[in-house]
């Protein structure tokens, strides 16, 4: 046999035959890794409001507040009644038995002619040889002065003035038709004989709340005023 000859050139491509039938579906391949998140889309429209849910249970009652604190304006003593024993009588209709038993009552005085604006607790305040005190009853507050020890000369000098003041006061009280000028004139003598008429008075009623130790000093009027939120 002789040597193999050179490979001949490819012949022309013949026409494509018909497509054969599809083979069976192969097994599902493994899931590939997740790609990065796309950009956040715009916020959608707000949906309709749903129906209201049932009411919740009622909460526990809170501690008593200070909204029920009662206080008066400054009271001119010439507008007050004087008891037969010489005490000023203030009508305080909201001073109840409950406040007397469980609450607190503060009574203050100030000198309206003084430029200092100082305010003092009535109980224990002293003017010359007089000491101020107050007592309480249902719907009433009484203010009185008690004479302290003084020299005989002071008392003798004051005796005639006190006698005249008592006389003028009895005349005014027995003659209601007298003018206010006459009352002011006689009151000036009463002021010298007993300084109870020189001052204006104010009371603060604090109804009872939760029992405990008070942290407010009644002698510090500004502290009481701030705590119970009333004006000076």
Protein backbone atom coordinates (compact mmCIF):
# COMPACT_ATOMS: atom_id res chain seq x y z
CA UNK A 1 0.00 0.00 0.00
CA UNK A 2 1.33 3.31 -0.92
CA UNK A 3 1.53 6.36 1.50
CA UNK A 4 -1.63 8.15 2.61
CA UNK A 5 -2.48 11.13 0.60
CA UNK A 6 -3.26 14.65 1.75
CA UNK A 7 -6.67 15.39 3.41
CA UNK A 8 -9.07 16.82 1.00
CA UNK A 9 -11.06 20.04 1.44
CA UNK A 10 -14.43 20.07 3.29
CA UNK A 11 -17.31 19.75 1.01
CA UNK A 12 -20.23 22.18 1.04
CA UNK A 13 -22.59 22.16 4.12
CA UNK A 14 -25.70 20.27 3.50
CA UNK A 15 -29.23 21.46 4.37
CA UNK A 16 -30.28 21.40 8.12
CA UNK A 17 -32.42 18.50 8.98
CA UNK A 18 -35.58 18.54 11.14
CA UNK A 19 -35.28 19.30 14.90
CA UNK A 20 -35.46 16.24 17.04
CA UNK A 21 -37.76 15.77 20.07
CA UNK A 22 -36.88 17.62 23.37
CA UNK A 23 -35.07 15.55 25.94
CA UNK A 24 -36.17 15.13 29.56
CA UNK A 25 -35.92 18.16 31.96
CA UNK A 26 -32.76 18.03 33.90
CA UNK A 27 -32.49 18.35 37.72
CA UNK A 28 -32.84 21.87 39.33
CA UNK A 29 -29.50 23.42 39.94
CA UNK A 30 -28.33 25.08 43.20
CA UNK A 31 -29.59 28.69 43.98
CA UNK A 32 -26.96 31.29 43.40
CA UNK A 33 -25.95 34.02 45.84
CA UNK A 34 -28.39 36.96 46.35
CA UNK A 35 -27.48 40.09 44.55
CA UNK A 36 -27.21 43.55 46.23
CA UNK A 37 -30.42 45.36 47.29
CA UNK A 38 -31.82 47.80 44.85
CA UNK A 39 -32.58 51.45 45.56
CA UNK A 40 -35.44 52.19 48.09
CA UNK A 41 -38.68 52.96 46.39
CA UNK A 42 -40.91 55.99 47.13
CA UNK A 43 -43.22 55.96 50.23
CA UNK A 44 -46.64 54.68 49.50
CA UNK A 45 -49.90 56.50 50.24
CA UNK A 46 -51.28 56.39 53.82
CA UNK A 47 -54.00 53.84 54.29
CA UNK A 48 -57.44 54.49 55.72
CA UNK A 49 -57.81 54.96 59.52
CA UNK A 50 -59.02 51.85 61.23
CA UNK A 51 -61.86 51.67 63.70
CA UNK A 52 -61.26 52.84 67.33
CA UNK A 53 -60.25 50.15 69.75
CA UNK A 54 -62.01 49.45 73.05
CA UNK A 55 -61.44 51.81 76.02
CA UNK A 56 -58.67 50.78 78.38
CA UNK A 57 -59.13 50.17 82.11
CA UNK A 58 -59.51 53.17 84.44
CA UNK A 59 -56.26 54.23 86.09
CA UNK A 60 -55.69 54.51 89.83
CA UNK A 61 -56.72 57.74 91.56
CA UNK A 62 -53.89 60.21 91.87
CA UNK A 63 -52.68 61.86 95.04
CA UNK A 64 -54.64 64.94 96.24
CA UNK A 65 -53.37 68.15 94.65
CA UNK A 66 -53.39 71.78 95.77
CA UNK A 67 -56.11 73.05 93.44
CA UNK A 68 -58.57 73.09 96.34
CA UNK A 69 -56.52 75.46 98.50
CA UNK A 70 -58.63 78.45 99.61
CA UNK A 71 -57.22 81.89 100.35
CA UNK A 72 -58.66 85.32 101.03
CA UNK A 73 -57.72 88.75 99.82
CA UNK A 74 -56.13 91.18 102.26
CA UNK A 75 -58.82 92.25 104.71
CA UNK A 76 -59.17 95.79 106.10
CA UNK A 77 -59.88 95.52 109.85
CA UNK A 78 -62.37 98.39 109.74
CA UNK A 79 -64.65 96.11 107.68
CA UNK A 80 -64.70 93.45 110.40
CA UNK A 81 -66.92 92.93 113.41
CA UNK A 82 -65.46 93.29 116.90
CA UNK A 83 -66.57 90.83 119.57
CA UNK A 84 -67.52 92.08 123.07
CA UNK A 85 -64.14 90.92 124.36
CA UNK A 86 -62.28 92.99 121.73
CA UNK A 87 -61.38 90.36 119.15
CA UNK A 88 -61.58 90.93 115.40
CA UNK A 89 -63.92 88.40 113.80
CA UNK A 90 -63.32 87.20 110.23
CA UNK A 91 -66.04 85.26 108.44
CA UNK A 92 -64.50 82.28 106.62
CA UNK A 93 -67.46 80.20 105.33
CA UNK A 94 -65.19 77.55 103.79
CA UNK A 95 -63.40 76.86 107.07
CA UNK A 96 -65.14 73.54 107.64
CA UNK A 97 -64.96 70.96 110.40
CA UNK A 98 -62.94 68.73 108.03
CA UNK A 99 -60.28 71.44 107.60
CA UNK A 100 -60.19 72.06 111.35
CA UNK A 101 -59.70 68.32 111.97
CA UNK A 102 -57.44 67.34 109.06
CA UNK A 103 -56.21 70.43 107.24
CA UNK A 104 -54.10 73.49 107.96
CA UNK A 105 -54.95 77.17 108.47
CA UNK A 106 -52.45 80.03 108.16
CA UNK A 107 -53.32 83.64 109.10
CA UNK A 108 -51.01 86.51 108.11
CA UNK A 109 -50.77 90.25 108.73
CA UNK A 110 -49.06 93.18 107.05
CA UNK A 111 -48.82 96.90 107.72
CA UNK A 112 -50.40 98.65 104.71
CA UNK A 113 -48.56 101.89 105.49
CA UNK A 114 -45.15 100.19 105.43
CA UNK A 115 -43.10 100.36 102.24
CA UNK A 116 -41.24 97.12 102.99
CA UNK A 117 -44.18 94.88 102.07
CA UNK A 118 -43.22 92.51 104.88
CA UNK A 119 -45.75 89.80 105.77
CA UNK A 120 -45.80 87.93 109.09
CA UNK A 121 -47.64 85.03 110.61
CA UNK A 122 -50.21 86.43 113.05
CA UNK A 123 -49.59 83.86 115.77
CA UNK A 124 -46.77 85.14 117.99
CA UNK A 125 -46.21 88.45 116.17
CA UNK A 126 -45.36 91.26 118.61
CA UNK A 127 -46.02 94.99 118.38
CA UNK A 128 -44.51 97.02 121.20
CA UNK A 129 -45.74 95.16 124.30
CA UNK A 130 -48.64 93.46 122.49
CA UNK A 131 -48.59 89.94 121.08
CA UNK A 132 -50.93 88.84 118.28
CA UNK A 133 -52.78 85.54 118.42
CA UNK A 134 -55.59 83.92 116.47
CA UNK A 135 -58.11 81.21 117.19
CA UNK A 136 -60.32 79.16 114.90
CA UNK A 137 -63.88 77.91 114.78
CA UNK A 138 -66.15 76.54 112.09
CA UNK A 139 -66.55 79.39 109.59
CA UNK A 140 -64.80 81.89 111.88
CA UNK A 141 -61.31 83.24 112.58
CA UNK A 142 -60.71 85.51 115.59
CA UNK A 143 -57.65 87.74 115.99
CA UNK A 144 -56.71 89.26 119.32
CA UNK A 145 -53.80 90.95 121.03
CA UNK A 146 -52.45 89.95 124.40
CA UNK A 147 -50.67 92.46 126.61
CA UNK A 148 -47.12 91.48 127.49
CA UNK A 149 -45.08 92.69 130.44
CA UNK A 150 -44.32 96.40 130.25
CA UNK A 151 -43.14 99.15 132.58
CA UNK A 152 -45.70 100.96 134.76
CA UNK A 153 -44.90 104.24 133.02
CA UNK A 154 -45.80 102.73 129.64
CA UNK A 155 -49.10 101.44 130.99
CA UNK A 156 -50.00 104.70 132.76
CA UNK A 157 -49.26 106.73 129.65
CA UNK A 158 -51.46 104.41 127.63
CA UNK A 159 -54.34 104.19 130.11
CA UNK A 160 -56.00 107.51 129.22
CA UNK A 161 -55.69 106.83 125.49
CA UNK A 162 -57.22 103.39 125.86
CA UNK A 163 -60.12 104.81 127.87
CA UNK A 164 -60.81 107.43 125.23
CA UNK A 165 -60.54 104.82 122.47
CA UNK A 166 -63.07 102.59 124.21
CA UNK A 167 -65.45 105.52 124.60
CA UNK A 168 -65.17 106.55 120.96
CA UNK A 169 -65.62 102.99 119.80
CA UNK A 170 -68.78 102.54 121.83
CA UNK A 171 -70.17 105.81 120.42
CA UNK A 172 -69.50 104.70 116.84
CA UNK A 173 -70.94 101.21 117.35
CA UNK A 174 -74.10 102.61 118.94
CA UNK A 175 -74.61 105.18 116.17
CA UNK A 176 -74.43 103.39 112.78
CA UNK A 177 -75.40 106.59 111.00
CA UNK A 178 -72.12 108.32 111.83
CA UNK A 179 -69.97 109.19 108.84
CA UNK A 180 -67.01 107.10 107.76
CA UNK A 181 -64.82 110.10 108.62
CA UNK A 182 -65.93 109.84 112.26
CA UNK A 183 -65.19 106.12 112.24
CA UNK A 184 -61.71 106.75 110.81
CA UNK A 185 -61.10 109.39 113.48
CA UNK A 186 -62.10 107.07 116.29
CA UNK A 187 -60.23 104.16 114.70
CA UNK A 188 -57.02 106.16 114.87
CA UNK A 189 -57.33 106.17 118.67
CA UNK A 190 -58.12 102.48 118.72
CA UNK A 191 -54.95 101.85 116.72
CA UNK A 192 -52.85 103.61 119.31
CA UNK A 193 -54.54 101.85 122.23
CA UNK A 194 -54.52 98.39 120.63
CA UNK A 195 -52.46 97.88 117.43
CA UNK A 196 -54.83 95.23 116.07
CA UNK A 197 -56.40 97.92 113.84
CA UNK A 198 -53.09 98.91 112.24
CA UNK A 199 -52.76 95.80 110.11
CA UNK A 200 -54.47 94.02 107.24
CA UNK A 201 -55.13 90.29 107.51
CA UNK A 202 -55.25 87.30 105.19
CA UNK A 203 -55.97 83.61 105.69
CA UNK A 204 -55.02 80.45 103.77
CA UNK A 205 -57.06 77.24 104.17
CA UNK A 206 -55.42 73.93 103.16
CA UNK A 207 -57.86 70.98 103.12
CA UNK A 208 -56.47 67.67 104.33
CA UNK A 209 -54.84 65.38 101.76
CA UNK A 210 -52.40 62.55 102.24
CA UNK A 211 -51.21 62.44 105.88
CA UNK A 212 -47.54 63.17 106.30
CA UNK A 213 -45.01 65.65 107.60
CA UNK A 214 -45.33 69.18 106.22
CA UNK A 215 -42.18 70.57 104.60
CA UNK A 216 -43.53 74.14 104.45
CA UNK A 217 -42.79 76.61 107.20
CA UNK A 218 -45.92 78.72 107.81
CA UNK A 219 -43.70 81.61 108.95
CA UNK A 220 -42.18 81.86 105.45
CA UNK A 221 -45.05 83.61 103.66
CA UNK A 222 -43.32 83.69 100.27
CA UNK A 223 -42.69 79.93 100.38
CA UNK A 224 -46.34 79.29 101.25
CA UNK A 225 -47.47 81.68 98.49
CA UNK A 226 -45.31 79.93 95.88
CA UNK A 227 -46.30 76.44 97.00
CA UNK A 228 -50.03 77.10 96.89
CA UNK A 229 -49.80 79.39 93.86
CA UNK A 230 -51.54 82.54 95.02
CA UNK A 231 -50.39 86.08 94.49
CA UNK A 232 -48.78 88.30 97.08
